[in-house]
Amino acid sequence: MDDAIRDAVRELVAEVGYAALTVDAVAAKARVGKAAIYRRHASRGELVFSALVHGRGPQPLEDTGTLRGDLTALAALILGIFSDPVAAAATPGLLAEVKQQPEIAARFQATFIAEERALVTQLLERAVARGELAALPDPALVHAAVLGTVFAWVFLLEHPPAPDLAPRIAAMAMAACGGVA
């Protein structure tokens, strides 16, 4: 059922856009009751976010052996999520909804942001253990350096990601790490 709902959201966002998407339409396309959707998702925004962004990532990142490599893998993961045409089409409207509805914002923070921040913390802790960093930098700042740059590149500047973009973002995020040994 979850796959059917996720597929229906993707198809409908591609067909009608985020603004015109309704839970009724998703339920009909997925051939499930609205109650089944609302048991899983508190709102349309949460449904779309879960189907397009949160359900696709973040995934555990392999230890590449270097902080720069780990940051590059993280940047590539986030670029992949937001470069998906359907996710890219829904994200601006979804983020506007997140900003206007505190309950959606809280769930966004508690799910996607918290999970990505945990990934960032993990890769920074590995770098400290390897001796690449003298101390643990602020995971929120490093996360913002990666996520903010991806967001600005994809949504504000509307540039398609170049093959060398993830390593370039990682190089910028290294500056947010401060005490690189």
N, C-alpha and C. Protein backbone atom coordinates (compact mmCIF):
# COMPACT_ATOMS: atom_id res chain seq x y z
N MET A 1 0.81 -1.19 0.00
CA MET A 1 0.00 0.00 0.00
C MET A 1 0.86 1.26 0.00
N ASP A 2 1.94 1.27 0.80
CA ASP A 2 2.81 2.45 0.84
C ASP A 2 3.41 2.75 -0.53
N ASP A 3 3.79 1.69 -1.26
CA ASP A 3 4.34 1.90 -2.60
C ASP A 3 3.30 2.49 -3.54
N ALA A 4 2.07 2.02 -3.43
CA ALA A 4 0.99 2.54 -4.28
C ALA A 4 0.74 4.01 -3.98
N ILE A 5 0.77 4.38 -2.71
CA ILE A 5 0.57 5.78 -2.33
C ILE A 5 1.72 6.63 -2.85
N ARG A 6 2.94 6.16 -2.65
CA ARG A 6 4.13 6.90 -3.12
C ARG A 6 4.10 7.07 -4.63
N ASP A 7 3.76 6.02 -5.35
CA ASP A 7 3.67 6.10 -6.81
C ASP A 7 2.58 7.07 -7.25
N ALA A 8 1.45 7.04 -6.56
CA ALA A 8 0.35 7.95 -6.90
C ALA A 8 0.76 9.40 -6.69
N VAL A 9 1.44 9.68 -5.60
CA VAL A 9 1.91 11.05 -5.34
C VAL A 9 2.85 11.49 -6.44
N ARG A 10 3.82 10.66 -6.79
CA ARG A 10 4.78 11.02 -7.84
C ARG A 10 4.07 11.31 -9.17
N GLU A 11 3.15 10.43 -9.54
CA GLU A 11 2.44 10.61 -10.81
C GLU A 11 1.60 11.89 -10.80
N LEU A 12 0.90 12.12 -9.70
CA LEU A 12 0.02 13.29 -9.64
C LEU A 12 0.80 14.60 -9.58
N VAL A 13 1.89 14.63 -8.85
CA VAL A 13 2.71 15.86 -8.83
C VAL A 13 3.22 16.14 -10.23
N ALA A 14 3.65 15.10 -10.94
CA ALA A 14 4.13 15.29 -12.32
C ALA A 14 3.00 15.76 -13.24
N GLU A 15 1.79 15.27 -13.01
CA GLU A 15 0.66 15.62 -13.88
C GLU A 15 0.05 16.98 -13.56
N VAL A 16 -0.21 17.24 -12.26
CA VAL A 16 -0.98 18.43 -11.90
C VAL A 16 -0.21 19.45 -11.07
N GLY A 17 0.97 19.07 -10.57
CA GLY A 17 1.75 19.97 -9.73
C GLY A 17 1.35 19.85 -8.27
N TYR A 18 2.17 20.41 -7.42
CA TYR A 18 1.94 20.32 -5.98
C TYR A 18 0.68 21.06 -5.56
N ALA A 19 0.49 22.26 -6.06
CA ALA A 19 -0.62 23.10 -5.63
C ALA A 19 -1.97 22.44 -5.90
N ALA A 20 -2.10 21.70 -6.99
CA ALA A 20 -3.38 21.09 -7.35
C ALA A 20 -3.55 19.67 -6.80
N LEU A 21 -2.55 19.14 -6.18
CA LEU A 21 -2.62 17.79 -5.65
C LEU A 21 -3.57 17.73 -4.45
N THR A 22 -4.42 16.72 -4.41
CA THR A 22 -5.31 16.53 -3.27
C THR A 22 -5.15 15.12 -2.72
N VAL A 23 -5.47 14.98 -1.45
CA VAL A 23 -5.43 13.66 -0.84
C VAL A 23 -6.49 12.76 -1.48
N ASP A 24 -7.63 13.34 -1.84
CA ASP A 24 -8.66 12.56 -2.55
C ASP A 24 -8.11 11.95 -3.83
N ALA A 25 -7.39 12.75 -4.61
CA ALA A 25 -6.84 12.27 -5.87
C ALA A 25 -5.80 11.18 -5.63
N VAL A 26 -4.97 11.36 -4.61
CA VAL A 26 -3.96 10.34 -4.29
C VAL A 26 -4.66 9.04 -3.88
N ALA A 27 -5.66 9.15 -3.03
CA ALA A 27 -6.38 7.95 -2.58
C ALA A 27 -7.01 7.22 -3.77
N ALA A 28 -7.62 7.98 -4.67
CA ALA A 28 -8.26 7.36 -5.83
C ALA A 28 -7.23 6.68 -6.72
N LYS A 29 -6.13 7.37 -6.99
CA LYS A 29 -5.10 6.81 -7.89
C LYS A 29 -4.43 5.59 -7.26
N ALA A 30 -4.22 5.64 -5.94
CA ALA A 30 -3.57 4.53 -5.24
C ALA A 30 -4.55 3.40 -4.90
N ARG A 31 -5.84 3.69 -5.09
CA ARG A 31 -6.90 2.73 -4.78
C ARG A 31 -6.90 2.33 -3.30
N VAL A 32 -6.80 3.37 -2.47
CA VAL A 32 -6.87 3.19 -1.02
C VAL A 32 -7.84 4.23 -0.48
N GLY A 33 -8.29 4.03 0.72
CA GLY A 33 -9.16 5.01 1.36
C GLY A 33 -8.35 6.19 1.89
N LYS A 34 -8.99 7.33 1.98
CA LYS A 34 -8.32 8.51 2.55
C LYS A 34 -7.85 8.24 3.98
N ALA A 35 -8.62 7.44 4.72
CA ALA A 35 -8.24 7.13 6.10
C ALA A 35 -6.89 6.43 6.15
N ALA A 36 -6.62 5.57 5.19
CA ALA A 36 -5.32 4.88 5.14
C ALA A 36 -4.18 5.88 4.96
N ILE A 37 -4.42 6.90 4.18
CA ILE A 37 -3.40 7.94 3.98
C ILE A 37 -3.23 8.75 5.26
N TYR A 38 -4.35 9.17 5.86
CA TYR A 38 -4.27 10.01 7.05
C TYR A 38 -3.76 9.25 8.28
N ARG A 39 -3.82 7.92 8.27
CA ARG A 39 -3.19 7.16 9.36
C ARG A 39 -1.68 7.26 9.27
N ARG A 40 -1.16 7.45 8.06
CA ARG A 40 0.28 7.51 7.85
C ARG A 40 0.81 8.95 7.83
N HIS A 41 -0.01 9.88 7.40
CA HIS A 41 0.44 11.26 7.17
C HIS A 41 -0.60 12.24 7.68
N ALA A 42 -0.15 13.21 8.45
CA ALA A 42 -1.07 14.16 9.08
C ALA A 42 -1.61 15.21 8.11
N SER A 43 -0.95 15.39 6.98
CA SER A 43 -1.38 16.44 6.06
C SER A 43 -0.91 16.12 4.64
N ARG A 44 -1.39 16.88 3.70
CA ARG A 44 -0.97 16.74 2.30
C ARG A 44 0.54 17.01 2.20
N GLY A 45 1.00 18.03 2.87
CA GLY A 45 2.42 18.35 2.82
C GLY A 45 3.29 17.23 3.33
N GLU A 46 2.89 16.64 4.45
CA GLU A 46 3.66 15.52 4.99
C GLU A 46 3.62 14.32 4.05
N LEU A 47 2.47 14.08 3.44
CA LEU A 47 2.33 13.00 2.47
C LEU A 47 3.30 13.19 1.30
N VAL A 48 3.31 14.37 0.73
CA VAL A 48 4.17 14.65 -0.42
C VAL A 48 5.63 14.59 -0.01
N PHE A 49 5.95 15.19 1.12
CA PHE A 49 7.34 15.17 1.60
C PHE A 49 7.81 13.74 1.80
N SER A 50 6.99 12.92 2.44
CA SER A 50 7.35 11.54 2.68
C SER A 50 7.55 10.77 1.38
N ALA A 51 6.66 10.99 0.43
CA ALA A 51 6.71 10.24 -0.84
C ALA A 51 7.87 10.68 -1.72
N LEU A 52 8.17 11.96 -1.74
CA LEU A 52 9.16 12.46 -2.70
C LEU A 52 10.56 12.65 -2.12
N VAL A 53 10.63 12.98 -0.86
CA VAL A 53 11.94 13.31 -0.29
C VAL A 53 12.32 12.33 0.81
N HIS A 54 11.55 12.28 1.86
CA HIS A 54 11.94 11.49 3.02
C HIS A 54 12.00 10.01 2.72
N GLY A 55 11.10 9.50 1.92
CA GLY A 55 11.09 8.09 1.60
C GLY A 55 12.29 7.65 0.77
N ARG A 56 12.99 8.60 0.15
CA ARG A 56 14.13 8.27 -0.70
C ARG A 56 15.46 8.45 0.01
N GLY A 57 15.49 9.04 1.12
CA GLY A 57 16.75 9.29 1.80
C GLY A 57 16.45 9.88 3.14
N PRO A 58 17.36 10.11 3.96
CA PRO A 58 18.75 9.75 3.77
C PRO A 58 18.99 8.27 4.04
N GLN A 59 19.99 7.74 3.44
CA GLN A 59 20.37 6.36 3.66
C GLN A 59 21.74 6.38 4.33
N PRO A 60 22.08 5.28 5.00
CA PRO A 60 23.42 5.24 5.61
C PRO A 60 24.49 5.46 4.53
N LEU A 61 25.45 6.27 4.88
CA LEU A 61 26.55 6.54 3.95
C LEU A 61 27.74 5.67 4.31
N GLU A 62 28.33 5.07 3.32
CA GLU A 62 29.53 4.28 3.57
C GLU A 62 30.66 5.19 3.98
N ASP A 63 31.54 4.68 4.81
CA ASP A 63 32.73 5.41 5.20
C ASP A 63 33.69 5.39 4.03
N THR A 64 33.96 6.54 3.44
CA THR A 64 34.86 6.61 2.29
C THR A 64 36.32 6.64 2.71
N GLY A 65 36.56 6.83 4.00
CA GLY A 65 37.92 6.88 4.51
C GLY A 65 38.44 8.29 4.72
N THR A 66 37.71 9.28 4.21
CA THR A 66 38.12 10.68 4.41
C THR A 66 36.89 11.54 4.66
N LEU A 67 37.10 12.62 5.37
CA LEU A 67 36.02 13.57 5.60
C LEU A 67 35.55 14.17 4.28
N ARG A 68 36.47 14.55 3.43
CA ARG A 68 36.09 15.12 2.13
C ARG A 68 35.27 14.12 1.32
N GLY A 69 35.66 12.87 1.32
CA GLY A 69 34.90 11.84 0.60
C GLY A 69 33.52 11.64 1.19
N ASP A 70 33.43 11.64 2.53
CA ASP A 70 32.13 11.49 3.18
C ASP A 70 31.22 12.68 2.88
N LEU A 71 31.77 13.90 2.92
CA LEU A 71 30.98 15.09 2.60
C LEU A 71 30.55 15.09 1.14
N THR A 72 31.40 14.59 0.28
CA THR A 72 31.05 14.48 -1.15
C THR A 72 29.89 13.50 -1.32
N ALA A 73 29.93 12.37 -0.63
CA ALA A 73 28.84 11.39 -0.70
C ALA A 73 27.54 11.99 -0.17
N LEU A 74 27.62 12.75 0.92
CA LEU A 74 26.43 13.40 1.47
C LEU A 74 25.87 14.41 0.48
N ALA A 75 26.73 15.24 -0.09
CA ALA A 75 26.28 16.23 -1.07
C ALA A 75 25.64 15.54 -2.27
N ALA A 76 26.23 14.45 -2.73
CA ALA A 76 25.67 13.72 -3.88
C ALA A 76 24.30 13.15 -3.54
N LEU A 77 24.13 12.64 -2.32
CA LEU A 77 22.84 12.10 -1.89
C LEU A 77 21.77 13.20 -1.91
N ILE A 78 22.09 14.35 -1.32
CA ILE A 78 21.11 15.45 -1.25
C ILE A 78 20.84 16.01 -2.64
N LEU A 79 21.88 16.14 -3.45
CA LEU A 79 21.68 16.59 -4.84
C LEU A 79 20.76 15.63 -5.59
N GLY A 80 20.95 14.34 -5.38
CA GLY A 80 20.11 13.35 -6.04
C GLY A 80 18.65 13.47 -5.65
N ILE A 81 18.40 13.71 -4.38
CA ILE A 81 17.02 13.86 -3.92
C ILE A 81 16.37 15.08 -4.55
N PHE A 82 17.04 16.23 -4.48
CA PHE A 82 16.42 17.47 -4.95
C PHE A 82 16.55 17.69 -6.45
N SER A 83 17.33 16.90 -7.13
CA SER A 83 17.44 17.02 -8.58
C SER A 83 16.40 16.17 -9.31
N ASP A 84 15.75 15.29 -8.58
CA ASP A 84 14.67 14.52 -9.17
C ASP A 84 13.60 15.50 -9.65
N PRO A 85 13.19 15.43 -10.92
CA PRO A 85 12.25 16.43 -11.45
C PRO A 85 10.94 16.53 -10.67
N VAL A 86 10.41 15.42 -10.21
CA VAL A 86 9.16 15.46 -9.48
C VAL A 86 9.36 16.11 -8.10
N ALA A 87 10.42 15.72 -7.40
CA ALA A 87 10.71 16.33 -6.10
C ALA A 87 11.00 17.82 -6.27
N ALA A 88 11.73 18.17 -7.31
CA ALA A 88 12.05 19.58 -7.56
C ALA A 88 10.79 20.39 -7.84
N ALA A 89 9.82 19.79 -8.52
CA ALA A 89 8.58 20.50 -8.82
C ALA A 89 7.75 20.74 -7.56
N ALA A 90 7.80 19.82 -6.61
CA ALA A 90 6.98 19.94 -5.40
C ALA A 90 7.65 20.72 -4.28
N THR A 91 8.96 20.74 -4.23
CA THR A 91 9.67 21.29 -3.08
C THR A 91 9.35 22.74 -2.77
N PRO A 92 9.34 23.67 -3.72
CA PRO A 92 9.04 25.06 -3.34
C PRO A 92 7.68 25.23 -2.66
N GLY A 93 6.65 24.61 -3.20
CA GLY A 93 5.33 24.69 -2.58
C GLY A 93 5.28 24.00 -1.23
N LEU A 94 5.95 22.89 -1.15
CA LEU A 94 6.01 22.14 0.10
C LEU A 94 6.71 22.95 1.18
N LEU A 95 7.83 23.58 0.84
CA LEU A 95 8.55 24.37 1.83
C LEU A 95 7.76 25.59 2.27
N ALA A 96 6.99 26.17 1.35
CA ALA A 96 6.12 27.29 1.73
C ALA A 96 5.08 26.81 2.75
N GLU A 97 4.54 25.62 2.53
CA GLU A 97 3.57 25.06 3.46
C GLU A 97 4.22 24.76 4.81
N VAL A 98 5.45 24.25 4.78
CA VAL A 98 6.17 23.97 6.02
C VAL A 98 6.34 25.26 6.82
N LYS A 99 6.67 26.33 6.14
CA LYS A 99 6.89 27.61 6.81
C LYS A 99 5.61 28.15 7.44
N GLN A 100 4.47 27.87 6.82
CA GLN A 100 3.20 28.42 7.28
C GLN A 100 2.50 27.55 8.32
N GLN A 101 2.89 26.29 8.43
CA GLN A 101 2.18 25.37 9.33
C GLN A 101 3.16 24.77 10.34
N PRO A 102 3.15 25.28 11.56
CA PRO A 102 4.12 24.83 12.57
C PRO A 102 4.14 23.33 12.81
N GLU A 103 2.98 22.66 12.72
CA GLU A 103 2.97 21.22 12.97
C GLU A 103 3.70 20.46 11.86
N ILE A 104 3.60 20.94 10.64
CA ILE A 104 4.34 20.31 9.55
C ILE A 104 5.82 20.61 9.70
N ALA A 105 6.14 21.84 10.08
CA ALA A 105 7.55 22.22 10.29
C ALA A 105 8.18 21.36 11.38
N ALA A 106 7.44 21.12 12.45
CA ALA A 106 7.98 20.30 13.54
C ALA A 106 8.24 18.87 13.09
N ARG A 107 7.33 18.31 12.31
CA ARG A 107 7.53 16.94 11.81
C ARG A 107 8.67 16.89 10.80
N PHE A 108 8.80 17.92 9.97
CA PHE A 108 9.90 18.03 9.01
C PHE A 108 11.23 18.02 9.76
N GLN A 109 11.30 18.83 10.83
CA GLN A 109 12.52 18.87 11.65
C GLN A 109 12.80 17.54 12.33
N ALA A 110 11.74 16.90 12.83
CA ALA A 110 11.90 15.67 13.59
C ALA A 110 12.21 14.46 12.70
N THR A 111 11.93 14.56 11.42
CA THR A 111 12.18 13.42 10.54
C THR A 111 13.38 13.71 9.66
N PHE A 112 13.16 14.35 8.55
CA PHE A 112 14.19 14.53 7.54
C PHE A 112 15.41 15.28 8.07
N ILE A 113 15.21 16.41 8.68
CA ILE A 113 16.35 17.20 9.16
C ILE A 113 17.09 16.44 10.25
N ALA A 114 16.38 15.86 11.21
CA ALA A 114 17.03 15.11 12.28
C ALA A 114 17.81 13.92 11.74
N GLU A 115 17.25 13.21 10.75
CA GLU A 115 17.95 12.05 10.20
C GLU A 115 19.19 12.48 9.41
N GLU A 116 19.06 13.54 8.63
CA GLU A 116 20.24 14.03 7.90
C GLU A 116 21.28 14.55 8.87
N ARG A 117 20.86 15.25 9.91
CA ARG A 117 21.81 15.77 10.91
C ARG A 117 22.53 14.63 11.60
N ALA A 118 21.83 13.53 11.85
CA ALA A 118 22.49 12.36 12.45
C ALA A 118 23.55 11.80 11.52
N LEU A 119 23.27 11.78 10.21
CA LEU A 119 24.28 11.34 9.24
C LEU A 119 25.50 12.26 9.29
N VAL A 120 25.26 13.55 9.33
CA VAL A 120 26.36 14.52 9.39
C VAL A 120 27.17 14.30 10.66
N THR A 121 26.49 14.14 11.78
CA THR A 121 27.19 13.91 13.05
C THR A 121 28.04 12.66 12.97
N GLN A 122 27.49 11.61 12.38
CA GLN A 122 28.22 10.34 12.25
C GLN A 122 29.49 10.52 11.42
N LEU A 123 29.38 11.19 10.28
CA LEU A 123 30.57 11.33 9.45
C LEU A 123 31.59 12.28 10.09
N LEU A 124 31.14 13.25 10.86
CA LEU A 124 32.08 14.12 11.58
C LEU A 124 32.77 13.37 12.72
N GLU A 125 32.02 12.53 13.42
CA GLU A 125 32.63 11.71 14.48
C GLU A 125 33.68 10.76 13.91
N ARG A 126 33.41 10.21 12.73
CA ARG A 126 34.41 9.34 12.08
C ARG A 126 35.67 10.14 11.77
N ALA A 127 35.50 11.36 11.30
CA ALA A 127 36.65 12.20 10.97
C ALA A 127 37.46 12.53 12.22
N VAL A 128 36.79 12.77 13.35
CA VAL A 128 37.50 13.02 14.60
C VAL A 128 38.26 11.76 15.00
N ALA A 129 37.62 10.60 14.91
CA ALA A 129 38.26 9.34 15.28
C ALA A 129 39.48 9.04 14.40
N ARG A 130 39.42 9.44 13.12
CA ARG A 130 40.56 9.22 12.21
C ARG A 130 41.65 10.26 12.41
N GLY A 131 41.37 11.30 13.18
CA GLY A 131 42.34 12.36 13.41
C GLY A 131 42.30 13.46 12.35
N GLU A 132 41.29 13.45 11.50
CA GLU A 132 41.16 14.49 10.48
C GLU A 132 40.66 15.80 11.06
N LEU A 133 39.90 15.72 12.15
CA LEU A 133 39.41 16.90 12.83
C LEU A 133 39.92 16.89 14.26
N ALA A 134 40.32 18.08 14.73
CA ALA A 134 40.82 18.19 16.10
C ALA A 134 39.69 18.05 17.11
N ALA A 135 38.51 18.52 16.75
CA ALA A 135 37.35 18.44 17.63
C ALA A 135 36.10 18.35 16.75
N LEU A 136 35.01 17.93 17.35
CA LEU A 136 33.76 17.81 16.62
C LEU A 136 33.21 19.20 16.32
N PRO A 137 33.08 19.54 15.03
CA PRO A 137 32.47 20.82 14.68
C PRO A 137 30.96 20.78 14.89
N ASP A 138 30.32 21.90 14.75
CA ASP A 138 28.88 21.99 14.90
C ASP A 138 28.21 21.25 13.73
N PRO A 139 27.55 20.11 14.00
CA PRO A 139 26.90 19.38 12.90
C PRO A 139 25.85 20.21 12.17
N ALA A 140 25.16 21.08 12.89
CA ALA A 140 24.13 21.92 12.26
C ALA A 140 24.75 22.85 11.23
N LEU A 141 25.91 23.41 11.53
CA LEU A 141 26.57 24.32 10.59
C LEU A 141 27.06 23.56 9.36
N VAL A 142 27.66 22.40 9.56
CA VAL A 142 28.15 21.61 8.43
C VAL A 142 26.96 21.15 7.58
N HIS A 143 25.89 20.72 8.22
CA HIS A 143 24.69 20.30 7.50
C HIS A 143 24.14 21.46 6.69
N ALA A 144 24.07 22.63 7.30
CA ALA A 144 23.56 23.81 6.59
C ALA A 144 24.45 24.17 5.41
N ALA A 145 25.75 23.99 5.56
CA ALA A 145 26.66 24.29 4.45
C ALA A 145 26.37 23.41 3.24
N VAL A 146 26.07 22.14 3.49
CA VAL A 146 25.78 21.22 2.39
C VAL A 146 24.35 21.42 1.87
N LEU A 147 23.37 21.32 2.77
CA LEU A 147 21.97 21.42 2.36
C LEU A 147 21.65 22.79 1.78
N GLY A 148 22.14 23.83 2.41
CA GLY A 148 21.87 25.19 1.92
C GLY A 148 22.45 25.44 0.55
N THR A 149 23.64 24.94 0.33
CA THR A 149 24.27 25.12 -0.98
C THR A 149 23.51 24.36 -2.06
N VAL A 150 23.11 23.13 -1.76
CA VAL A 150 22.33 22.35 -2.72
C VAL A 150 21.02 23.07 -3.01
N PHE A 151 20.34 23.52 -1.97
CA PHE A 151 19.06 24.19 -2.15
C PHE A 151 19.22 25.45 -3.00
N ALA A 152 20.21 26.25 -2.68
CA ALA A 152 20.43 27.48 -3.44
C ALA A 152 20.75 27.17 -4.90
N TRP A 153 21.57 26.18 -5.13
CA TRP A 153 21.97 25.82 -6.49
C TRP A 153 20.78 25.35 -7.32
N VAL A 154 20.00 24.43 -6.74
CA VAL A 154 18.90 23.81 -7.48
C VAL A 154 17.68 24.72 -7.58
N PHE A 155 17.32 25.39 -6.49
CA PHE A 155 16.04 26.11 -6.47
C PHE A 155 16.17 27.62 -6.68
N LEU A 156 17.17 28.22 -6.12
CA LEU A 156 17.28 29.67 -6.25
C LEU A 156 18.01 30.08 -7.53
N LEU A 157 19.11 29.41 -7.80
CA LEU A 157 19.88 29.73 -9.00
C LEU A 157 19.41 28.95 -10.22
N GLU A 158 18.66 27.87 -9.96
CA GLU A 158 18.10 27.01 -11.00
C GLU A 158 19.14 26.48 -11.98
N HIS A 159 20.26 26.05 -11.41
CA HIS A 159 21.31 25.43 -12.22
C HIS A 159 21.20 23.92 -12.13
N PRO A 160 21.35 23.23 -13.24
CA PRO A 160 21.39 21.76 -13.13
C PRO A 160 22.72 21.35 -12.48
N PRO A 161 22.68 20.32 -11.66
CA PRO A 161 23.92 19.88 -11.01
C PRO A 161 24.93 19.34 -12.02
N ALA A 162 26.12 19.88 -12.01
CA ALA A 162 27.21 19.40 -12.85
C ALA A 162 27.85 18.19 -12.17
N PRO A 163 28.53 17.35 -12.93
CA PRO A 163 29.14 16.15 -12.34
C PRO A 163 30.14 16.46 -11.21
N ASP A 164 30.77 17.63 -11.26
CA ASP A 164 31.75 17.96 -10.23
C ASP A 164 31.16 18.79 -9.09
N LEU A 165 29.84 18.93 -9.03
CA LEU A 165 29.24 19.79 -8.01
C LEU A 165 29.36 19.21 -6.61
N ALA A 166 29.11 17.94 -6.43
CA ALA A 166 29.18 17.34 -5.08
C ALA A 166 30.56 17.53 -4.46
N PRO A 167 31.66 17.27 -5.17
CA PRO A 167 32.97 17.51 -4.54
C PRO A 167 33.23 18.99 -4.26
N ARG A 168 32.68 19.86 -5.09
CA ARG A 168 32.85 21.30 -4.85
C ARG A 168 32.08 21.74 -3.61
N ILE A 169 30.89 21.18 -3.42
CA ILE A 169 30.11 21.49 -2.21
C ILE A 169 30.84 20.92 -0.99
N ALA A 170 31.40 19.74 -1.11
CA ALA A 170 32.15 19.15 0.00
C ALA A 170 33.33 20.03 0.39
N ALA A 171 34.01 20.58 -0.60
CA ALA A 171 35.14 21.47 -0.31
C ALA A 171 34.68 22.70 0.47
N MET A 172 33.52 23.23 0.10
CA MET A 172 32.97 24.38 0.84
C MET A 172 32.59 23.97 2.27
N ALA A 173 32.01 22.78 2.41
CA ALA A 173 31.58 22.31 3.73
C ALA A 173 32.78 22.05 4.64
N MET A 174 33.93 21.74 4.04
CA MET A 174 35.14 21.53 4.84
C MET A 174 35.47 22.79 5.64
N ALA A 175 35.18 23.94 5.07
CA ALA A 175 35.44 25.20 5.78
C ALA A 175 34.56 25.30 7.03
N ALA A 176 33.35 24.76 6.97
CA ALA A 176 32.46 24.78 8.13
C ALA A 176 32.95 23.86 9.23
N CYS A 177 33.88 22.97 8.90
CA CYS A 177 34.43 22.03 9.89
C CYS A 177 35.48 22.69 10.76
N GLY A 178 36.00 23.84 10.34
CA GLY A 178 36.95 24.56 11.17
C GLY A 178 38.27 23.85 11.34
N GLY A 179 38.47 23.21 12.48
CA GLY A 179 39.78 22.67 12.86
C GLY A 179 40.18 21.40 12.14
N VAL A 180 40.30 21.46 10.83
CA VAL A 180 40.76 20.30 10.07
C VAL A 180 42.24 20.09 10.37
N ALA A 181 42.57 18.88 10.77
CA ALA A 181 43.95 18.59 11.17
C ALA A 181 44.86 18.53 9.95
